[in-house]
Amino acid sequence: MNTPIVLSKNVLNTIKSLPHRQQLAIVSAIAGEMIFGAVVGNELNEEERRLYEVIKTDICRDSKSYISRLAV
């Protein structure tokens, strides 16, 4: 992993607002995919999968914004 991953306050608050079991599932999926390059498969149920996709989109957007500010 050579690129920064930004976990904004919004992302952290979103994850904290989830029930504990979902927090663990989402954080595990984020770490697995974004840090270790694992493929997120059937570990998540349908609701968790939707939440994960929204949170992942936010992380990618925030990370891209951070990286672009570094380039200036």
C-alpha atoms as a PDB file:
ATOM      1  CA  MET A   1       0.000   0.000   0.000  1.00  0.00           C
ATOM      2  CA  ASN A   2       1.664   3.169  -1.176  1.00  0.00           C
ATOM      3  CA  THR A   3      -1.194   5.649  -1.160  1.00  0.00           C
ATOM      4  CA  PRO A   4      -2.738   7.367   1.849  1.00  0.00           C
ATOM      5  CA  ILE A   5      -6.135   6.279   3.099  1.00  0.00           C
ATOM      6  CA  VAL A   6      -8.115   9.089   4.701  1.00  0.00           C
ATOM      7  CA  LEU A   7     -10.709   8.257   7.332  1.00  0.00           C
ATOM      8  CA  SER A   8     -12.500  11.550   7.764  1.00  0.00           C
ATOM      9  CA  LYS A   9     -14.490  12.533  10.817  1.00  0.00           C
ATOM     10  CA  ASN A  10     -17.648  11.924   8.793  1.00  0.00           C
ATOM     11  CA  VAL A  11     -16.557   8.364   7.937  1.00  0.00           C
ATOM     12  CA  LEU A  12     -15.558   7.627  11.529  1.00  0.00           C
ATOM     13  CA  ASN A  13     -18.842   9.001  12.867  1.00  0.00           C
ATOM     14  CA  THR A  14     -20.776   6.921  10.350  1.00  0.00           C
ATOM     15  CA  ILE A  15     -18.971   3.765  11.423  1.00  0.00           C
ATOM     16  CA  LYS A  16     -19.387   4.601  15.134  1.00  0.00           C
ATOM     17  CA  SER A  17     -23.138   5.043  14.633  1.00  0.00           C
ATOM     18  CA  LEU A  18     -23.513   1.432  13.482  1.00  0.00           C
ATOM     19  CA  PRO A  19     -24.279  -1.478  15.790  1.00  0.00           C
ATOM     20  CA  HIS A  20     -21.096  -3.103  17.128  1.00  0.00           C
ATOM     21  CA  ARG A  21     -21.384  -6.209  14.911  1.00  0.00           C
ATOM     22  CA  GLN A  22     -21.727  -4.060  11.789  1.00  0.00           C
ATOM     23  CA  GLN A  23     -18.838  -1.831  12.882  1.00  0.00           C
ATOM     24  CA  LEU A  24     -16.567  -4.864  13.042  1.00  0.00           C
ATOM     25  CA  ALA A  25     -17.757  -6.227   9.703  1.00  0.00           C
ATOM     26  CA  ILE A  26     -17.310  -2.889   7.895  1.00  0.00           C
ATOM     27  CA  VAL A  27     -13.925  -2.064   9.441  1.00  0.00           C
ATOM     28  CA  SER A  28     -12.662  -5.573   8.684  1.00  0.00           C
ATOM     29  CA  ALA A  29     -13.768  -5.246   5.068  1.00  0.00           C
ATOM     30  CA  ILE A  30     -12.147  -1.808   4.732  1.00  0.00           C
ATOM     31  CA  ALA A  31      -8.870  -3.039   6.211  1.00  0.00           C
ATOM     32  CA  GLY A  32      -8.955  -6.205   4.160  1.00  0.00           C
ATOM     33  CA  GLU A  33      -9.515  -4.493   0.847  1.00  0.00           C
ATOM     34  CA  MET A  34      -7.805  -1.125   1.181  1.00  0.00           C
ATOM     35  CA  ILE A  35      -4.795  -2.113   3.255  1.00  0.00           C
ATOM     36  CA  PHE A  36      -4.189  -5.774   2.437  1.00  0.00           C
ATOM     37  CA  GLY A  37      -5.679  -5.956  -1.069  1.00  0.00           C
ATOM     38  CA  ALA A  38      -8.144  -8.714  -0.213  1.00  0.00           C
ATOM     39  CA  VAL A  39     -11.329  -9.157  -2.191  1.00  0.00           C
ATOM     40  CA  VAL A  40     -14.459  -8.452  -0.178  1.00  0.00           C
ATOM     41  CA  GLY A  41     -16.758 -11.355  -0.900  1.00  0.00           C
ATOM     42  CA  ASN A  42     -19.594 -12.987   0.934  1.00  0.00           C
ATOM     43  CA  GLU A  43     -18.421 -11.938   4.402  1.00  0.00           C
ATOM     44  CA  LEU A  44     -20.945  -9.099   4.407  1.00  0.00           C
ATOM     45  CA  ASN A  45     -24.698  -9.474   4.298  1.00  0.00           C
ATOM     46  CA  GLU A  46     -26.735  -7.352   1.879  1.00  0.00           C
ATOM     47  CA  GLU A  47     -27.226  -4.421   4.287  1.00  0.00           C
ATOM     48  CA  GLU A  48     -23.557  -4.431   5.331  1.00  0.00           C
ATOM     49  CA  ARG A  49     -22.521  -4.575   1.672  1.00  0.00           C
ATOM     50  CA  ARG A  50     -24.538  -1.419   0.884  1.00  0.00           C
ATOM     51  CA  LEU A  51     -23.088   0.376   3.926  1.00  0.00           C
ATOM     52  CA  TYR A  52     -19.599  -0.737   2.963  1.00  0.00           C
ATOM     53  CA  GLU A  53     -19.978   0.606  -0.586  1.00  0.00           C
ATOM     54  CA  VAL A  54     -21.145   4.012   0.692  1.00  0.00           C
ATOM     55  CA  ILE A  55     -18.339   4.233   3.249  1.00  0.00           C
ATOM     56  CA  LYS A  56     -15.755   3.026   0.723  1.00  0.00           C
ATOM     57  CA  THR A  57     -16.916   5.708  -1.727  1.00  0.00           C
ATOM     58  CA  ASP A  58     -16.476   8.368   0.967  1.00  0.00           C
ATOM     59  CA  ILE A  59     -13.007   7.077   1.870  1.00  0.00           C
ATOM     60  CA  CYS A  60     -11.911   7.045  -1.784  1.00  0.00           C
ATOM     61  CA  ARG A  61     -13.246  10.578  -2.337  1.00  0.00           C
ATOM     62  CA  ASP A  62     -11.577  11.922   0.817  1.00  0.00           C
ATOM     63  CA  SER A  63      -8.313  10.151   0.027  1.00  0.00           C
ATOM     64  CA  LYS A  64      -8.269  11.465  -3.544  1.00  0.00           C
ATOM     65  CA  SER A  65      -8.886  14.997  -2.283  1.00  0.00           C
ATOM     66  CA  TYR A  66      -6.051  14.662   0.244  1.00  0.00           C
ATOM     67  CA  ILE A  67      -3.649  13.313  -2.382  1.00  0.00           C
ATOM     68  CA  SER A  68      -4.489  16.135  -4.794  1.00  0.00           C
ATOM     69  CA  ARG A  69      -3.741  18.719  -2.065  1.00  0.00           C
ATOM     70  CA  LEU A  70      -0.329  17.084  -1.502  1.00  0.00           C
ATOM     71  CA  ALA A  71       0.526  17.510  -5.180  1.00  0.00           C
ATOM     72  CA  VAL A  72       0.106  21.307  -5.046  1.00  0.00           C
END
